[in-house]
């Protein structure tokens, strides 16, 4: 019985370790997903599916997708707020992607929209977006 428990424990540990690696297949799939990151729902699904690959050029693509929705689809941010209510880690992910890889004009626009057009129920999120963009603005 002890041997079975040890074997199962090792299988679970190695499975967990394996799931956290960004394999070539995961990286290629995450890279291909960029073309479909056109809504908060799509970005949230990508965040759940490929967290282990959020580095380098994939992270830059994720940042660009987040900036595009923030800047070009500002009214859609009510959906972002509803996703964040159910997953606070997603808020950290979005804010982390407001970074120096973004165009300065996009950073400025995020600050402007978050300052001037933020719904009352999103004030906390807008404050975090402003802080992140200001810290990266050149």
N, C-alpha and C. Protein backbone atom coordinates (compact mmCIF):
# COMPACT_ATOMS: atom_id res chain seq x y z
N UNK A 1 0.82 -1.20 0.00
CA UNK A 1 0.00 0.00 0.00
C UNK A 1 0.86 1.26 0.00
N UNK A 2 1.94 1.24 0.81
CA UNK A 2 2.83 2.40 0.87
C UNK A 2 3.48 2.65 -0.48
N UNK A 3 3.82 1.60 -1.18
CA UNK A 3 4.45 1.74 -2.50
C UNK A 3 3.49 2.42 -3.47
N UNK A 4 2.24 2.04 -3.41
CA UNK A 4 1.23 2.63 -4.29
C UNK A 4 1.07 4.12 -3.97
N UNK A 5 1.02 4.48 -2.70
CA UNK A 5 0.89 5.89 -2.31
C UNK A 5 2.11 6.70 -2.75
N UNK A 6 3.28 6.14 -2.58
CA UNK A 6 4.50 6.83 -3.01
C UNK A 6 4.47 7.03 -4.52
N UNK A 7 4.10 5.98 -5.24
CA UNK A 7 4.03 6.08 -6.70
C UNK A 7 3.02 7.14 -7.14
N UNK A 8 1.85 7.14 -6.53
CA UNK A 8 0.82 8.14 -6.88
C UNK A 8 1.28 9.55 -6.54
N UNK A 9 1.94 9.70 -5.39
CA UNK A 9 2.46 11.02 -5.01
C UNK A 9 3.48 11.52 -6.01
N UNK A 10 4.40 10.65 -6.41
CA UNK A 10 5.40 11.04 -7.40
C UNK A 10 4.75 11.38 -8.74
N UNK A 11 3.74 10.62 -9.12
CA UNK A 11 3.04 10.89 -10.38
C UNK A 11 2.36 12.25 -10.33
N UNK A 12 1.75 12.58 -9.21
CA UNK A 12 1.09 13.88 -9.07
C UNK A 12 2.11 15.01 -9.09
N UNK A 13 3.21 14.83 -8.37
CA UNK A 13 4.23 15.86 -8.34
C UNK A 13 4.83 16.07 -9.72
N UNK A 14 5.16 15.01 -10.42
CA UNK A 14 5.77 15.16 -11.74
C UNK A 14 4.75 15.70 -12.74
N UNK A 15 3.48 15.35 -12.58
CA UNK A 15 2.44 15.88 -13.46
C UNK A 15 2.28 17.37 -13.27
N UNK A 16 2.33 17.81 -12.01
CA UNK A 16 2.22 19.23 -11.71
C UNK A 16 3.41 19.98 -12.26
N UNK A 17 4.60 19.42 -12.09
CA UNK A 17 5.81 20.05 -12.60
C UNK A 17 5.74 20.13 -14.13
N UNK A 18 5.31 19.07 -14.75
CA UNK A 18 5.22 19.05 -16.20
C UNK A 18 4.22 20.10 -16.71
N UNK A 19 3.10 20.26 -16.03
CA UNK A 19 2.08 21.20 -16.47
C UNK A 19 2.57 22.64 -16.42
N UNK A 20 3.56 22.92 -15.59
CA UNK A 20 4.03 24.29 -15.44
C UNK A 20 5.14 24.66 -16.42
N UNK A 21 5.59 23.71 -17.21
CA UNK A 21 6.63 23.98 -18.20
C UNK A 21 6.02 24.52 -19.48
N UNK A 22 6.68 25.45 -20.09
CA UNK A 22 6.23 25.95 -21.39
C UNK A 22 6.90 25.10 -22.47
N UNK A 23 6.22 24.06 -22.87
CA UNK A 23 6.76 23.19 -23.90
C UNK A 23 6.72 23.90 -25.24
N UNK A 24 7.38 23.35 -26.21
CA UNK A 24 7.37 23.92 -27.56
C UNK A 24 5.94 23.97 -28.09
N UNK A 25 5.17 22.93 -27.86
CA UNK A 25 3.78 22.90 -28.32
C UNK A 25 2.95 24.00 -27.65
N UNK A 26 3.09 24.16 -26.33
CA UNK A 26 2.37 25.23 -25.64
C UNK A 26 2.79 26.59 -26.17
N UNK A 27 4.08 26.79 -26.36
CA UNK A 27 4.57 28.08 -26.84
C UNK A 27 4.03 28.37 -28.24
N UNK A 28 4.04 27.38 -29.10
CA UNK A 28 3.52 27.58 -30.46
C UNK A 28 2.03 27.89 -30.43
N UNK A 29 1.29 27.19 -29.60
CA UNK A 29 -0.15 27.41 -29.50
C UNK A 29 -0.43 28.79 -28.91
N UNK A 30 0.30 29.17 -27.87
CA UNK A 30 0.13 30.50 -27.27
C UNK A 30 0.47 31.59 -28.29
N UNK A 31 1.49 31.35 -29.09
CA UNK A 31 1.89 32.31 -30.12
C UNK A 31 0.80 32.45 -31.18
N UNK A 32 0.22 31.34 -31.58
CA UNK A 32 -0.86 31.37 -32.58
C UNK A 32 -2.12 32.04 -32.04
N UNK A 33 -2.28 32.03 -30.73
CA UNK A 33 -3.49 32.61 -30.12
C UNK A 33 -3.55 34.13 -30.25
N UNK A 34 -2.42 34.79 -30.53
CA UNK A 34 -2.41 36.26 -30.60
C UNK A 34 -3.47 36.81 -31.54
N UNK A 35 -3.65 36.15 -32.67
CA UNK A 35 -4.62 36.64 -33.65
C UNK A 35 -6.05 36.62 -33.13
N UNK A 36 -6.30 35.86 -32.07
CA UNK A 36 -7.65 35.74 -31.54
C UNK A 36 -7.84 36.44 -30.19
N UNK A 37 -6.86 37.18 -29.74
CA UNK A 37 -6.97 37.88 -28.46
C UNK A 37 -7.65 39.23 -28.68
N UNK A 38 -8.92 39.18 -29.04
CA UNK A 38 -9.65 40.38 -29.42
C UNK A 38 -10.80 40.72 -28.48
N UNK A 39 -10.84 40.04 -27.33
CA UNK A 39 -11.87 40.33 -26.32
C UNK A 39 -11.29 39.97 -24.95
N UNK A 40 -11.92 40.50 -23.91
CA UNK A 40 -11.46 40.17 -22.57
C UNK A 40 -11.64 38.69 -22.28
N UNK A 41 -12.69 38.10 -22.82
CA UNK A 41 -12.92 36.67 -22.62
C UNK A 41 -11.78 35.86 -23.24
N UNK A 42 -11.37 36.23 -24.44
CA UNK A 42 -10.28 35.52 -25.12
C UNK A 42 -8.96 35.68 -24.37
N UNK A 43 -8.71 36.88 -23.87
CA UNK A 43 -7.47 37.12 -23.12
C UNK A 43 -7.50 36.33 -21.81
N UNK A 44 -8.66 36.27 -21.16
CA UNK A 44 -8.76 35.52 -19.92
C UNK A 44 -8.56 34.02 -20.17
N UNK A 45 -9.11 33.50 -21.25
CA UNK A 45 -8.91 32.08 -21.58
C UNK A 45 -7.43 31.80 -21.86
N UNK A 46 -6.77 32.71 -22.53
CA UNK A 46 -5.34 32.57 -22.81
C UNK A 46 -4.53 32.60 -21.51
N UNK A 47 -4.91 33.50 -20.62
CA UNK A 47 -4.26 33.61 -19.31
C UNK A 47 -4.37 32.31 -18.53
N UNK A 48 -5.51 31.66 -18.59
CA UNK A 48 -5.72 30.39 -17.90
C UNK A 48 -4.99 29.24 -18.60
N UNK A 49 -5.00 29.24 -19.92
CA UNK A 49 -4.45 28.11 -20.68
C UNK A 49 -2.92 28.10 -20.74
N UNK A 50 -2.29 29.26 -20.80
CA UNK A 50 -0.84 29.31 -21.05
C UNK A 50 -0.06 30.19 -20.07
N UNK A 51 -0.34 30.13 -18.79
CA UNK A 51 0.40 31.00 -17.87
C UNK A 51 1.90 30.70 -17.85
N UNK A 52 2.24 29.46 -18.10
CA UNK A 52 3.63 29.04 -18.07
C UNK A 52 4.43 29.60 -19.25
N UNK A 53 3.75 30.12 -20.26
CA UNK A 53 4.43 30.64 -21.45
C UNK A 53 4.43 32.17 -21.52
N UNK A 54 4.01 32.82 -20.46
CA UNK A 54 3.89 34.28 -20.47
C UNK A 54 5.25 34.92 -20.20
N UNK A 55 6.11 34.85 -21.21
CA UNK A 55 7.47 35.35 -21.10
C UNK A 55 7.95 35.72 -22.50
N UNK A 56 8.92 36.60 -22.59
CA UNK A 56 9.53 36.95 -23.87
C UNK A 56 8.54 37.48 -24.88
N UNK A 57 8.63 36.99 -26.10
CA UNK A 57 7.78 37.51 -27.18
C UNK A 57 6.31 37.18 -26.95
N UNK A 58 6.02 36.09 -26.26
CA UNK A 58 4.62 35.76 -25.96
C UNK A 58 4.06 36.78 -24.98
N UNK A 59 4.82 37.15 -23.97
CA UNK A 59 4.38 38.17 -23.02
C UNK A 59 4.18 39.51 -23.72
N UNK A 60 5.07 39.84 -24.65
CA UNK A 60 4.91 41.08 -25.40
C UNK A 60 3.63 41.07 -26.22
N UNK A 61 3.32 39.95 -26.84
CA UNK A 61 2.08 39.82 -27.59
C UNK A 61 0.86 39.95 -26.69
N UNK A 62 0.94 39.36 -25.50
CA UNK A 62 -0.15 39.49 -24.54
C UNK A 62 -0.33 40.94 -24.12
N UNK A 63 0.78 41.63 -23.89
CA UNK A 63 0.72 43.04 -23.52
C UNK A 63 0.07 43.87 -24.62
N UNK A 64 0.45 43.61 -25.85
CA UNK A 64 -0.12 44.34 -26.99
C UNK A 64 -1.62 44.09 -27.11
N UNK A 65 -2.03 42.84 -26.93
CA UNK A 65 -3.46 42.52 -27.01
C UNK A 65 -4.24 43.24 -25.92
N UNK A 66 -3.69 43.28 -24.72
CA UNK A 66 -4.35 43.98 -23.61
C UNK A 66 -4.41 45.47 -23.89
N UNK A 67 -3.34 46.04 -24.39
CA UNK A 67 -3.34 47.47 -24.71
C UNK A 67 -4.36 47.79 -25.80
N UNK A 68 -4.45 46.92 -26.82
CA UNK A 68 -5.39 47.18 -27.91
C UNK A 68 -6.83 47.25 -27.39
N UNK A 69 -7.19 46.35 -26.50
CA UNK A 69 -8.56 46.37 -25.98
C UNK A 69 -8.75 47.57 -25.06
N UNK A 70 -7.78 47.86 -24.22
CA UNK A 70 -7.91 49.02 -23.34
C UNK A 70 -8.06 50.31 -24.14
N UNK A 71 -7.22 50.48 -25.13
CA UNK A 71 -7.19 51.73 -25.89
C UNK A 71 -8.29 51.78 -26.96
N UNK A 72 -8.46 50.72 -27.71
CA UNK A 72 -9.37 50.74 -28.86
C UNK A 72 -10.80 50.34 -28.52
N UNK A 73 -10.97 49.64 -27.40
CA UNK A 73 -12.29 49.12 -27.05
C UNK A 73 -12.64 49.49 -25.60
N UNK A 74 -12.33 50.73 -25.21
CA UNK A 74 -12.50 51.13 -23.82
C UNK A 74 -13.88 50.77 -23.24
N UNK A 75 -14.99 50.93 -23.94
CA UNK A 75 -16.29 50.57 -23.35
C UNK A 75 -16.40 49.09 -22.96
N UNK A 76 -15.57 48.24 -23.52
CA UNK A 76 -15.59 46.81 -23.19
C UNK A 76 -15.01 46.52 -21.81
N UNK A 77 -14.47 47.52 -21.15
CA UNK A 77 -13.81 47.28 -19.88
C UNK A 77 -14.76 46.92 -18.75
N UNK A 78 -16.06 47.11 -18.97
CA UNK A 78 -17.03 46.60 -17.99
C UNK A 78 -16.92 45.08 -17.92
N UNK A 79 -16.68 44.45 -19.05
CA UNK A 79 -16.49 43.00 -19.09
C UNK A 79 -15.23 42.61 -18.33
N UNK A 80 -14.17 43.39 -18.47
CA UNK A 80 -12.94 43.13 -17.72
C UNK A 80 -13.24 43.13 -16.23
N UNK A 81 -13.97 44.12 -15.78
CA UNK A 81 -14.30 44.21 -14.35
C UNK A 81 -15.07 42.97 -13.88
N UNK A 82 -16.00 42.48 -14.69
CA UNK A 82 -16.77 41.30 -14.27
C UNK A 82 -15.89 40.05 -14.23
N UNK A 83 -14.92 39.94 -15.12
CA UNK A 83 -13.99 38.81 -15.08
C UNK A 83 -13.08 38.87 -13.86
N UNK A 84 -12.67 40.08 -13.50
CA UNK A 84 -11.79 40.28 -12.36
C UNK A 84 -12.50 39.93 -11.05
N UNK A 85 -13.79 40.21 -10.99
CA UNK A 85 -14.56 39.88 -9.78
C UNK A 85 -14.48 38.39 -9.50
N UNK A 86 -14.45 37.59 -10.56
CA UNK A 86 -14.41 36.13 -10.41
C UNK A 86 -12.98 35.57 -10.33
N UNK A 87 -11.99 36.39 -10.68
CA UNK A 87 -10.61 35.90 -10.68
C UNK A 87 -9.66 37.08 -10.46
N UNK A 88 -9.31 37.31 -9.22
CA UNK A 88 -8.46 38.47 -8.90
C UNK A 88 -7.06 38.34 -9.51
N UNK A 89 -6.63 37.12 -9.78
CA UNK A 89 -5.34 36.93 -10.44
C UNK A 89 -5.32 37.51 -11.84
N UNK A 90 -6.48 37.54 -12.47
CA UNK A 90 -6.57 38.09 -13.82
C UNK A 90 -6.30 39.60 -13.80
N UNK A 91 -6.74 40.27 -12.77
CA UNK A 91 -6.45 41.70 -12.64
C UNK A 91 -4.95 41.92 -12.56
N UNK A 92 -4.25 41.14 -11.75
CA UNK A 92 -2.79 41.27 -11.64
C UNK A 92 -2.12 41.02 -12.99
N UNK A 93 -2.63 40.03 -13.71
CA UNK A 93 -2.10 39.71 -15.03
C UNK A 93 -2.26 40.90 -15.99
N UNK A 94 -3.45 41.49 -16.03
CA UNK A 94 -3.70 42.63 -16.91
C UNK A 94 -2.80 43.80 -16.53
N UNK A 95 -2.75 44.13 -15.26
CA UNK A 95 -1.94 45.27 -14.81
C UNK A 95 -0.46 45.02 -15.08
N UNK A 96 0.00 43.79 -14.88
CA UNK A 96 1.41 43.46 -15.15
C UNK A 96 1.77 43.68 -16.62
N UNK A 97 0.79 43.53 -17.50
CA UNK A 97 1.05 43.69 -18.93
C UNK A 97 0.96 45.14 -19.42
N UNK A 98 0.71 46.05 -18.51
CA UNK A 98 0.85 47.47 -18.83
C UNK A 98 2.30 47.78 -18.50
N UNK A 99 3.17 47.66 -19.50
CA UNK A 99 4.60 47.71 -19.23
C UNK A 99 5.37 48.43 -20.34
N UNK A 100 6.67 48.42 -20.21
CA UNK A 100 7.53 49.19 -21.11
C UNK A 100 7.56 48.67 -22.54
N UNK A 101 6.99 47.51 -22.81
CA UNK A 101 6.95 47.02 -24.18
C UNK A 101 5.88 47.74 -25.00
N UNK A 102 4.99 48.45 -24.32
CA UNK A 102 3.91 49.16 -25.01
C UNK A 102 4.39 50.49 -25.57
N UNK A 103 3.73 50.90 -26.62
CA UNK A 103 3.99 52.20 -27.23
C UNK A 103 3.65 53.31 -26.24
N UNK A 104 4.46 54.35 -26.21
CA UNK A 104 4.24 55.47 -25.30
C UNK A 104 2.86 56.09 -25.51
N UNK A 105 2.40 56.18 -26.75
CA UNK A 105 1.07 56.74 -27.01
C UNK A 105 -0.02 55.88 -26.38
N UNK A 106 0.16 54.55 -26.41
CA UNK A 106 -0.82 53.67 -25.78
C UNK A 106 -0.81 53.86 -24.26
N UNK A 107 0.37 53.97 -23.68
CA UNK A 107 0.45 54.21 -22.24
C UNK A 107 -0.26 55.51 -21.86
N UNK A 108 -0.01 56.54 -22.64
CA UNK A 108 -0.66 57.84 -22.38
C UNK A 108 -2.18 57.72 -22.53
N UNK A 109 -2.62 57.01 -23.54
CA UNK A 109 -4.06 56.85 -23.76
C UNK A 109 -4.70 56.04 -22.63
N UNK A 110 -4.02 55.05 -22.11
CA UNK A 110 -4.53 54.28 -20.98
C UNK A 110 -4.68 55.18 -19.76
N UNK A 111 -3.71 56.04 -19.53
CA UNK A 111 -3.79 57.00 -18.43
C UNK A 111 -4.98 57.94 -18.62
N UNK A 112 -5.12 58.48 -19.82
CA UNK A 112 -6.21 59.42 -20.11
C UNK A 112 -7.58 58.76 -19.95
N UNK A 113 -7.76 57.61 -20.56
CA UNK A 113 -9.05 56.92 -20.47
C UNK A 113 -9.37 56.52 -19.03
N UNK A 114 -8.37 56.00 -18.34
CA UNK A 114 -8.59 55.57 -16.95
C UNK A 114 -8.87 56.76 -16.03
N UNK A 115 -8.32 57.91 -16.36
CA UNK A 115 -8.53 59.12 -15.54
C UNK A 115 -9.85 59.80 -15.85
N UNK A 116 -10.19 59.88 -17.12
CA UNK A 116 -11.32 60.70 -17.55
C UNK A 116 -12.60 59.93 -17.85
N UNK A 117 -12.51 58.64 -18.10
CA UNK A 117 -13.68 57.88 -18.55
C UNK A 117 -13.91 56.61 -17.74
N UNK A 118 -13.49 56.61 -16.52
CA UNK A 118 -13.61 55.40 -15.70
C UNK A 118 -14.97 55.37 -15.00
N UNK A 119 -15.73 54.30 -15.21
CA UNK A 119 -16.99 54.17 -14.47
C UNK A 119 -16.73 54.07 -12.96
N UNK A 120 -17.63 54.57 -12.18
CA UNK A 120 -17.45 54.61 -10.72
C UNK A 120 -17.13 53.23 -10.15
N UNK A 121 -17.77 52.19 -10.67
CA UNK A 121 -17.55 50.84 -10.14
C UNK A 121 -16.18 50.27 -10.51
N UNK A 122 -15.45 50.93 -11.41
CA UNK A 122 -14.14 50.44 -11.84
C UNK A 122 -12.99 51.30 -11.32
N UNK A 123 -13.26 52.21 -10.37
CA UNK A 123 -12.24 53.16 -9.92
C UNK A 123 -10.97 52.48 -9.41
N UNK A 124 -11.11 51.40 -8.68
CA UNK A 124 -9.91 50.72 -8.15
C UNK A 124 -9.06 50.18 -9.29
N UNK A 125 -9.70 49.53 -10.25
CA UNK A 125 -8.97 49.01 -11.41
C UNK A 125 -8.33 50.15 -12.20
N UNK A 126 -9.08 51.21 -12.44
CA UNK A 126 -8.53 52.33 -13.19
C UNK A 126 -7.32 52.93 -12.49
N UNK A 127 -7.37 53.00 -11.17
CA UNK A 127 -6.22 53.50 -10.42
C UNK A 127 -4.98 52.64 -10.63
N UNK A 128 -5.19 51.34 -10.68
CA UNK A 128 -4.06 50.43 -10.92
C UNK A 128 -3.53 50.55 -12.34
N UNK A 129 -4.44 50.74 -13.30
CA UNK A 129 -4.01 50.93 -14.69
C UNK A 129 -3.21 52.22 -14.84
N UNK A 130 -3.68 53.28 -14.19
CA UNK A 130 -2.98 54.57 -14.23
C UNK A 130 -1.58 54.42 -13.63
N UNK A 131 -1.51 53.81 -12.46
CA UNK A 131 -0.21 53.65 -11.80
C UNK A 131 0.75 52.83 -12.65
N UNK A 132 0.26 51.75 -13.24
CA UNK A 132 1.12 50.91 -14.07
C UNK A 132 1.61 51.67 -15.29
N UNK A 133 0.70 52.38 -15.96
CA UNK A 133 1.07 53.12 -17.17
C UNK A 133 2.03 54.26 -16.84
N UNK A 134 1.78 54.98 -15.75
CA UNK A 134 2.67 56.08 -15.37
C UNK A 134 4.07 55.58 -15.03
N UNK A 135 4.15 54.42 -14.42
CA UNK A 135 5.47 53.90 -14.05
C UNK A 135 6.29 53.49 -15.26
N UNK A 136 5.62 53.26 -16.39
CA UNK A 136 6.31 52.82 -17.61
C UNK A 136 6.43 53.93 -18.65
N UNK A 137 5.67 55.00 -18.47
CA UNK A 137 5.67 56.08 -19.45
C UNK A 137 7.04 56.75 -19.47
N UNK A 138 7.54 56.99 -20.67
CA UNK A 138 8.88 57.58 -20.81
C UNK A 138 8.81 59.06 -21.02
